[in-house]
Protein backbone atom coordinates (compact mmCIF):
# COMPACT_ATOMS: atom_id res chain seq x y z
CA MET A 1 7.11 38.40 8.28
CA SER A 2 6.95 35.74 5.45
CA THR A 3 5.93 36.54 2.14
CA ASP A 4 4.28 33.43 1.00
CA VAL A 5 0.88 34.06 0.02
CA ARG A 6 0.09 30.59 0.92
CA ALA A 7 1.29 30.65 4.48
CA ALA A 8 -1.83 31.82 6.29
CA PRO A 9 -4.47 28.98 4.70
CA ALA A 10 -1.19 26.65 4.97
CA LYS A 11 -2.92 25.16 7.78
CA ARG A 12 -6.10 24.13 6.47
CA ARG A 13 -4.84 23.56 2.90
CA LEU A 14 -2.40 21.87 0.81
CA GLY A 15 -3.03 23.41 -2.49
CA ALA A 16 -5.41 22.68 -5.34
CA PRO A 17 -2.88 20.44 -7.16
CA TYR A 18 -2.39 18.22 -4.04
CA ASP A 19 -6.13 18.01 -3.72
CA LEU A 20 -6.80 16.68 -7.10
CA LEU A 21 -3.71 14.23 -6.78
CA LEU A 22 -5.71 13.43 -3.33
CA PHE A 23 -8.84 12.84 -5.08
CA ALA A 24 -7.33 10.77 -7.76
CA PHE A 25 -5.76 8.50 -5.22
CA VAL A 26 -8.77 7.93 -3.33
CA VAL A 27 -11.01 7.05 -5.90
CA SER A 28 -8.46 4.98 -7.57
CA GLY A 29 -8.00 3.49 -3.96
CA LEU A 30 -11.83 2.61 -3.82
CA GLY A 31 -11.56 0.67 -6.99
CA ASN A 32 -8.53 -1.51 -5.80
CA TRP A 33 -10.31 -2.52 -2.60
CA ILE A 34 -13.66 -3.76 -4.72
CA TYR A 35 -11.41 -6.02 -7.17
CA ARG A 36 -9.16 -7.16 -4.15
CA LEU A 37 -12.33 -8.67 -2.00
CA ALA A 38 -14.21 -9.31 -5.37
CA LEU A 39 -11.31 -11.77 -6.95
CA PRO A 40 -10.66 -13.69 -3.92
CA LEU A 41 -14.22 -14.52 -3.32
CA MET A 42 -14.45 -15.41 -6.49
CA VAL A 43 -11.78 -18.01 -6.59
CA PHE A 44 -13.12 -19.09 -2.90
CA GLU A 45 -16.66 -19.71 -4.63
CA LEU A 46 -15.42 -21.14 -7.49
CA THR A 47 -12.78 -24.02 -5.72
CA GLY A 48 -13.42 -23.94 -2.05
CA SER A 49 -9.63 -24.09 -1.41
CA ALA A 50 -7.74 -21.82 0.57
CA LEU A 51 -4.63 -22.24 -1.36
CA ASN A 52 -6.33 -21.39 -4.64
CA THR A 53 -7.63 -18.23 -2.62
CA ALA A 54 -4.31 -17.32 -1.46
CA VAL A 55 -2.75 -17.51 -4.67
CA VAL A 56 -4.63 -14.63 -5.86
CA TYR A 57 -2.71 -12.77 -3.32
CA ALA A 58 0.35 -14.29 -4.19
CA LEU A 59 -0.25 -12.91 -8.23
CA GLU A 60 -1.28 -9.61 -6.89
CA TYR A 61 2.03 -8.67 -5.59
CA ALA A 62 4.43 -10.89 -7.67
CA PRO A 63 4.45 -7.88 -10.39
CA LEU A 64 6.22 -6.08 -7.59
CA LEU A 65 9.23 -8.21 -7.54
CA LEU A 66 9.50 -8.09 -11.63
CA LEU A 67 8.34 -4.53 -12.28
CA SER A 68 9.66 -2.15 -9.31
CA LEU A 69 12.91 -1.20 -10.25
CA PRO A 70 11.99 -0.63 -13.61
CA GLY A 71 9.37 1.40 -12.60
CA GLY A 72 11.77 3.70 -10.25
CA VAL A 73 13.50 4.60 -12.90
CA ILE A 74 10.42 5.62 -14.96
CA ALA A 75 9.53 7.58 -11.84
CA ASP A 76 12.99 9.62 -12.12
CA ARG A 77 13.25 9.65 -16.13
CA PHE A 78 10.14 11.45 -17.06
CA GLU A 79 7.38 13.84 -15.93
CA ARG A 80 5.56 12.16 -13.22
CA ARG A 81 2.12 13.10 -13.44
CA ARG A 82 1.93 11.76 -16.96
CA ILE A 83 3.02 8.45 -15.59
CA LEU A 84 0.47 8.36 -13.26
CA VAL A 85 -2.31 9.43 -15.94
CA VAL A 86 -0.85 6.35 -18.30
CA GLY A 87 -1.00 4.21 -15.24
CA ASP A 88 -4.62 5.02 -14.81
CA LEU A 89 -5.74 4.68 -18.04
CA ALA A 90 -3.98 1.14 -18.35
CA ALA A 91 -5.73 -0.28 -15.27
CA THR A 92 -9.16 1.11 -16.72
CA VAL A 93 -8.68 -1.02 -20.13
CA LEU A 94 -7.58 -4.16 -17.84
CA ALA A 95 -10.53 -3.57 -15.18
CA GLY A 96 -12.89 -3.46 -18.47
CA ILE A 97 -11.81 -6.49 -20.15
CA LEU A 98 -11.87 -8.52 -16.70
CA ALA A 99 -15.80 -6.80 -16.47
CA LEU A 100 -16.17 -8.21 -19.97
CA VAL A 101 -15.14 -11.78 -19.17
CA VAL A 102 -16.98 -12.15 -15.95
CA THR A 103 -20.11 -10.73 -17.80
CA SER A 104 -19.92 -13.50 -20.35
CA GLY A 105 -20.62 -16.11 -17.76
CA SER A 106 -16.90 -17.17 -17.90
CA SER A 107 -16.40 -19.51 -14.67
CA SER A 108 -12.20 -19.96 -15.42
CA VAL A 109 -10.04 -19.55 -12.10
CA LEU A 110 -7.09 -19.27 -14.79
CA LEU A 111 -8.71 -16.21 -16.38
CA VAL A 112 -9.08 -14.74 -12.92
CA TYR A 113 -5.71 -15.50 -12.05
CA LEU A 114 -4.15 -13.60 -14.96
CA ALA A 115 -6.85 -10.73 -14.51
CA ALA A 116 -5.54 -10.28 -10.98
CA PHE A 117 -1.40 -10.33 -12.20
CA LEU A 118 -1.93 -7.79 -14.86
CA LEU A 119 -3.93 -5.33 -13.03
CA ALA A 120 -1.40 -5.47 -10.40
CA CYS A 121 1.48 -4.64 -13.05
CA VAL A 122 0.10 -1.43 -13.16
CA GLU A 123 0.77 -0.40 -9.58
CA PRO A 124 4.43 -0.98 -9.02
CA LEU A 125 5.02 1.21 -12.42
CA TYR A 126 2.55 3.39 -10.71
CA TYR A 127 3.35 3.96 -7.44
CA PRO A 128 7.22 5.19 -7.42
CA ALA A 129 5.86 8.03 -9.53
CA PHE A 130 3.20 8.63 -7.15
CA GLN A 131 5.09 9.11 -4.16
CA GLY A 132 7.90 11.00 -6.05
CA MET A 133 5.20 13.90 -6.66
CA VAL A 134 3.96 14.16 -3.17
CA PRO A 135 6.88 16.27 -1.79
CA ASP A 136 6.90 18.02 -5.37
CA LEU A 137 3.69 19.19 -4.83
CA VAL A 138 3.31 20.08 -0.89
CA ARG A 139 6.33 21.62 1.11
CA ASP A 140 8.90 19.90 3.60
CA LYS A 141 7.22 20.74 6.37
CA ASP A 142 3.71 19.77 5.25
CA LEU A 143 5.13 16.16 4.42
CA GLU A 144 3.67 14.36 7.51
CA ARG A 145 0.02 15.80 7.06
CA ALA A 146 0.25 15.39 3.13
CA ASN A 147 1.33 11.66 3.67
CA ALA A 148 -1.00 10.98 6.39
CA TRP A 149 -4.25 12.51 4.67
CA MET A 150 -3.06 10.13 1.63
CA GLN A 151 -3.24 7.87 4.12
CA MET A 152 -6.38 8.61 5.49
CA GLY A 153 -7.80 9.04 2.00
CA ASP A 154 -6.87 5.57 0.88
CA ASN A 155 -8.14 4.04 4.29
CA VAL A 156 -11.44 5.63 3.78
CA MET A 157 -11.66 3.62 0.92
CA SER A 158 -10.74 0.57 2.41
CA LEU A 159 -13.70 1.36 4.96
CA ALA A 160 -16.39 1.86 2.11
CA GLY A 161 -14.48 -0.22 -0.54
CA PRO A 162 -15.56 -3.79 1.03
CA ALA A 163 -18.53 -2.80 1.94
CA VAL A 164 -19.45 -1.53 -1.64
CA ALA A 165 -18.08 -4.44 -2.99
CA GLY A 166 -20.17 -6.39 -0.84
CA VAL A 167 -23.42 -4.53 -1.78
CA LEU A 168 -22.53 -4.77 -5.30
CA ILE A 169 -22.00 -8.52 -5.70
CA ALA A 170 -25.14 -8.94 -3.96
CA ALA A 171 -26.94 -6.97 -6.10
CA VAL A 172 -25.55 -7.27 -9.57
CA GLY A 173 -23.18 -9.94 -9.34
CA TYR A 174 -19.20 -9.93 -9.43
CA GLN A 175 -19.33 -8.22 -12.85
CA GLY A 176 -20.99 -4.97 -11.19
CA ALA A 177 -18.17 -4.61 -9.02
CA ILE A 178 -15.60 -4.88 -11.47
CA TRP A 179 -17.40 -2.93 -13.87
CA ALA A 180 -17.26 0.00 -11.10
CA ASP A 181 -13.57 -0.80 -10.43
CA ALA A 182 -12.82 0.02 -14.01
CA GLY A 183 -14.86 3.37 -13.42
CA THR A 184 -13.08 4.64 -10.62
CA PHE A 185 -10.05 4.29 -12.62
CA ALA A 186 -11.04 6.22 -15.44
CA VAL A 187 -11.93 9.07 -12.78
CA SER A 188 -8.81 8.98 -10.96
CA ALA A 189 -7.12 9.78 -14.89
CA LEU A 190 -9.65 12.54 -15.34
CA ALA A 191 -8.36 14.10 -12.16
CA MET A 192 -4.70 13.49 -13.13
CA VAL A 193 -5.13 15.26 -16.08
CA ALA A 194 -6.93 18.45 -14.49
CA ILE A 195 -3.51 18.93 -12.15
CA ARG A 196 -1.95 21.65 -13.92
CA THR A 197 1.13 21.85 -12.08
CA ARG A 198 3.85 19.99 -13.34
CA SER A 199 5.79 17.62 -11.23
CA LYS A 200 9.74 18.22 -11.11
CA PRO A 201 10.96 17.25 -14.26
CA PRO A 202 13.68 14.19 -14.55
CA ALA A 203 16.98 14.64 -13.17
CA ALA A 204 18.38 15.42 -16.50
CA GLN A 205 16.27 18.80 -16.96
CA GLN A 206 16.89 20.14 -13.82
CA GLU A 207 19.52 22.53 -13.28
CA GLY A 208 22.89 21.94 -11.99
CA THR A 209 22.07 18.05 -11.62
CA GLU A 210 24.09 15.29 -13.03
CA PRO A 211 22.50 14.31 -16.36
CA ILE A 212 20.52 11.45 -16.07
CA ARG A 213 22.16 7.65 -17.00
CA ARG A 214 20.14 5.79 -19.98
CA ASP A 215 21.54 2.88 -18.41
CA LEU A 216 19.32 0.84 -16.43
CA LEU A 217 21.36 -0.99 -14.38
CA ARG A 218 23.70 1.45 -13.52
CA GLU A 219 20.40 3.59 -12.69
CA VAL A 220 19.42 0.87 -10.44
CA LYS A 221 23.23 0.41 -9.06
CA ASP A 222 22.95 4.05 -8.06
CA SER A 223 19.90 3.21 -5.91
CA LEU A 224 21.14 0.16 -4.37
CA VAL A 225 24.29 2.37 -3.06
CA HIS A 226 22.35 5.20 -1.64
CA ILE A 227 20.57 2.16 0.39
CA THR A 228 22.99 0.19 1.45
CA ARG A 229 26.01 2.62 2.27
CA ASP A 230 24.81 6.36 2.39
CA ASN A 231 21.26 5.51 3.85
CA ARG A 232 21.18 2.53 6.58
CA PRO A 233 18.09 3.64 8.12
CA LEU A 234 16.39 2.65 4.77
CA LEU A 235 17.87 -1.16 4.11
CA SER A 236 16.83 -1.67 7.78
CA GLY A 237 13.34 -0.29 7.64
CA ALA A 238 13.46 -2.41 4.15
CA VAL A 239 14.47 -5.50 5.63
CA LEU A 240 11.92 -5.01 8.71
CA PHE A 241 9.09 -4.43 6.38
CA ALA A 242 9.91 -7.52 4.53
CA LEU A 243 9.92 -9.76 7.55
CA ALA A 244 6.86 -8.30 9.03
CA ASN A 245 5.07 -8.72 5.91
CA LEU A 246 6.14 -12.37 5.78
CA GLY A 247 3.96 -12.60 9.33
CA THR A 248 0.74 -10.24 8.36
CA TRP A 249 0.25 -12.22 5.11
CA LEU A 250 0.50 -15.65 6.48
CA VAL A 251 -2.75 -14.19 8.15
CA GLN A 252 -3.97 -11.65 5.81
CA ALA A 253 -3.85 -13.74 2.32
CA ASN A 254 -5.84 -16.67 4.77
CA LEU A 255 -8.11 -14.18 5.97
CA VAL A 256 -11.01 -14.70 3.56
CA TYR A 257 -10.55 -18.32 3.98
CA TYR A 258 -10.83 -17.83 8.26
CA LEU A 259 -13.34 -15.75 8.44
CA SER A 260 -15.55 -18.16 6.02
CA ASP A 261 -14.65 -21.70 7.15
CA TYR A 262 -13.17 -21.45 10.75
CA GLN A 263 -15.76 -18.64 11.82
CA SER A 264 -18.97 -19.48 9.40
CA MET A 265 -18.96 -15.89 8.53
CA SER A 266 -21.24 -14.57 5.25
CA PRO A 267 -19.76 -12.32 2.58
CA ALA A 268 -21.40 -9.18 4.27
CA LEU A 269 -20.16 -9.94 7.82
CA ILE A 270 -16.53 -10.14 5.87
CA GLY A 271 -17.17 -6.78 4.43
CA VAL A 272 -17.75 -5.51 7.98
CA VAL A 273 -14.43 -6.96 8.78
CA PHE A 274 -12.40 -5.69 6.06
CA ALA A 275 -14.38 -2.14 6.45
CA ALA A 276 -13.31 -2.09 10.00
CA GLN A 277 -9.94 -2.41 8.93
CA GLY A 278 -10.29 0.62 7.29
CA ALA A 279 -11.90 2.52 10.02
CA GLY A 280 -8.87 1.72 12.13
CA ALA A 281 -6.34 2.95 9.42
CA VAL A 282 -8.24 6.10 9.47
CA LEU A 283 -7.61 7.07 12.97
CA GLY A 284 -4.30 5.77 12.54
CA ALA A 285 -3.48 8.27 10.08
CA ALA A 286 -4.81 11.03 12.19
CA VAL A 287 -2.43 10.78 14.60
CA CYS A 288 0.61 10.49 12.26
CA PRO A 289 1.13 14.38 12.21
CA TRP A 290 0.88 14.33 16.13
CA LEU A 291 3.59 11.37 16.55
CA GLY A 292 5.62 12.73 13.52
CA ARG A 293 5.89 16.16 15.51
CA ARG A 294 7.42 13.99 18.38
CA PHE A 295 9.38 11.13 17.41
CA ALA A 296 12.02 10.16 14.73
CA PRO A 297 9.91 8.13 11.94
CA GLY A 298 12.31 5.00 12.46
CA ARG A 299 11.41 4.66 16.07
CA VAL A 300 7.76 5.15 15.03
CA VAL A 301 8.38 1.93 12.96
CA ILE A 302 9.49 -0.30 15.28
CA ALA A 303 7.49 0.47 17.92
CA GLY A 304 4.57 0.03 15.82
CA THR A 305 5.98 -3.25 14.39
CA VAL A 306 6.18 -4.80 18.24
CA LEU A 307 2.42 -3.82 18.68
CA ALA A 308 0.99 -5.10 15.48
CA GLY A 309 3.08 -8.24 16.52
CA ALA A 310 1.05 -8.26 19.69
CA GLY A 311 -2.10 -7.91 18.29
CA ILE A 312 -2.00 -10.77 15.87
CA VAL A 313 -1.71 -13.08 18.45
CA LEU A 314 -4.39 -11.46 20.50
CA LEU A 315 -6.64 -12.64 17.43
CA ILE A 316 -6.36 -16.60 18.25
CA PRO A 317 -9.09 -16.34 21.15
CA LEU A 318 -11.74 -14.11 19.38
CA ARG A 319 -14.55 -15.70 17.79
CA ASP A 320 -17.62 -12.78 17.27
CA VAL A 321 -17.25 -10.57 14.70
CA VAL A 322 -17.14 -7.20 16.81
CA GLY A 323 -14.36 -8.44 18.64
CA ILE A 324 -12.17 -9.45 16.13
CA SER A 325 -13.09 -6.37 13.88
CA VAL A 326 -12.13 -4.15 16.66
CA LEU A 327 -8.70 -5.84 16.77
CA TRP A 328 -8.42 -5.85 13.11
CA ALA A 329 -9.05 -2.44 13.09
CA LEU A 330 -6.63 -1.75 15.79
CA ILE A 331 -3.92 -3.50 13.78
CA TYR A 332 -4.73 -2.23 10.72
CA GLY A 333 -4.39 1.71 12.24
CA ILE A 334 -0.79 0.55 13.48
CA GLY A 335 0.11 -0.20 10.23
CA THR A 336 -0.75 3.21 8.81
CA VAL A 337 1.44 4.89 11.60
CA ASN A 338 3.83 2.80 9.97
CA MET A 339 3.51 3.40 6.59
CA VAL A 340 3.07 7.43 6.70
CA SER A 341 6.46 7.31 8.94
CA TRP A 342 8.03 5.23 6.16
CA PHE A 343 7.22 7.63 3.27
CA VAL A 344 8.13 10.61 5.56
CA LEU A 345 11.55 9.17 6.13
CA ARG A 346 12.42 8.04 2.46
CA GLN A 347 10.95 11.67 1.15
CA ARG A 348 13.36 13.24 4.08
CA THR A 349 16.49 11.48 3.32
CA VAL A 350 16.81 10.62 -0.32
CA PRO A 351 17.53 13.11 -3.05
CA PRO A 352 14.81 14.49 -5.00
CA GLN A 353 16.78 12.99 -8.43
CA MET A 354 16.87 9.35 -7.02
CA LEU A 355 13.45 9.47 -4.97
CA GLY A 356 11.69 7.20 -7.37
CA ARG A 357 14.33 4.73 -7.74
CA VAL A 358 14.80 4.45 -3.89
CA VAL A 359 10.63 4.10 -3.57
CA ALA A 360 10.94 1.25 -5.84
CA THR A 361 14.13 -0.64 -4.32
CA THR A 362 13.14 -0.20 -1.06
CA ARG A 363 9.01 -1.15 -1.64
CA MET A 364 10.25 -4.40 -3.62
CA ILE A 365 12.62 -5.29 -0.60
CA ALA A 366 9.55 -4.68 1.86
CA PHE A 367 7.19 -6.87 -0.31
CA MET A 368 9.02 -9.29 -1.73
CA SER A 369 8.20 -11.54 1.41
CA ILE A 370 4.51 -11.05 0.51
CA PRO A 371 3.83 -13.54 -2.45
CA VAL A 372 6.02 -16.26 -0.63
CA ALA A 373 3.81 -15.63 2.68
CA SER A 374 0.68 -16.09 0.42
CA VAL A 375 1.14 -19.28 -0.89
CA LEU A 376 3.14 -20.42 2.28
CA GLY A 377 -0.10 -19.91 4.64
CA GLY A 378 -2.37 -21.66 2.19
CA VAL A 379 0.09 -24.62 2.01
CA LEU A 380 0.33 -24.57 5.64
CA GLU A 381 -3.52 -24.44 6.22
CA GLN A 382 -4.03 -27.18 4.08
CA ARG A 383 -1.14 -29.20 5.95
CA TRP A 384 -2.11 -28.60 9.31
CA HIS A 385 -5.95 -27.41 9.04
CA ASN A 386 -5.17 -24.99 11.88
CA MET A 387 -5.22 -21.52 11.77
CA TYR A 388 -4.61 -20.52 14.67
CA LEU A 389 -1.01 -22.05 15.13
CA ILE A 390 -0.35 -20.03 11.81
CA ILE A 391 -1.70 -16.83 13.41
CA ALA A 392 0.13 -17.56 16.65
CA LEU A 393 3.32 -18.16 14.39
CA ALA A 394 2.77 -14.56 12.33
CA GLY A 395 2.29 -12.43 15.28
CA GLY A 396 5.58 -14.14 17.03
CA LEU A 397 7.35 -13.31 14.27
CA ARG A 398 6.43 -10.06 13.52
CA LEU A 399 6.93 -9.42 17.63
CA LEU A 400 10.81 -10.51 17.11
CA VAL A 401 11.20 -8.57 14.10
CA GLY A 402 10.16 -5.25 15.56
CA LEU A 403 12.48 -6.24 19.03
CA GLY A 404 15.49 -6.87 17.01
CA ALA A 405 14.96 -3.59 14.95
CA LEU A 406 16.13 -1.62 18.10
CA LEU A 407 19.65 -2.91 17.40
CA SER A 408 19.23 -1.63 13.85
CA PRO A 409 20.16 1.86 12.12
CA LEU A 410 16.34 2.15 12.02
CA ASN A 411 16.51 3.17 15.54
CA SER A 412 17.88 7.00 15.23
CA SER A 413 16.70 10.37 14.83
CA ALA A 414 16.67 10.14 10.89
CA GLY A 415 13.87 11.97 9.19
CA TRP A 416 13.11 13.97 12.31
CA ARG A 417 12.23 17.54 11.65
CA ASP A 418 12.17 19.84 14.55
CA PRO A 419 8.67 21.83 14.26
CA ALA A 420 10.34 24.81 15.89
CA ASP A 421 12.59 24.87 12.48
CA SER A 422 10.83 27.01 10.05
């Protein structure tokens, strides 16, 4: 009989520190979704341009290319909870400054671009520490459930966030939405402070581990060697996500424009579509533990990539808000399953003292195509004036990438844990 006092309630709760981490993540996620809808709508309202609107998305993802690797090193060098508190406070200040600018009546698109870029700079420094903290707070056997709850919480906010943003924009303007955004980051910081359990100390402080190297390039090289030589499924998965994101974001970056111009939807109906993607993602998160007990995470990612590609192509004939919302919900549900499976694969196969750097490196590879795809989608729309062709190309690319991954190291049992193994 186990002597672990947590054994009895383990099926219901994952512990108070994890609950606080989940709460902080969910609240800040609400703020993220508010400004992700508000800023593109602001630019579209000011310019009426698909390209200018797509630039917002490119700027939101460009910092991933610049700061992901330093963010991973920071996550492995310093106590992760403190990194998360500092990140939330920085986001609070930046969102507050943007709110002041908007409240002053400024109509400068350049200022919106700058704000989008600076807010996005926080995430690549914040995210590796967050991902590294999850296995610090829960047992290995609970990783599927812990990651699924995190993803479900994020997606509940992606369901509520666009709806809240639409209401705030209609009631008090863009400034009200952005003030609310700043408030969510402040609340998240307070929740992080309340976590009394420290995340695992950096490698330099862990007994029996090699002292951490203070050479940034050497530390980055270690993570690259691990991915390219010791853990090939991670390299295959990162490349798969990079190519799949190239296809997805040809559509995603143009989605506000597509719904506004091609389908003549109001901001309220656009909010419905974005909210539906959150609802689908919640359902996707709910099935993750079941899938994780039966299939290797890499194989789940491959199957999901193929199905999502087919779903994007099916968007072409749909014209009504209900059909588009349902299909987009299914696509995002599949995306959630892919992300949770990917998190588990990394957390189970990477040494803890290297997890922050590997998370940052694979995430940078996976997301490096998003700024390119965002701008490319806008350019193609301005040249071709045919979003249906762009959607077909995007879905076809994702479908081919998934089928090609069947021949890669990702198609293996890496990261799978037999539920019968205690």
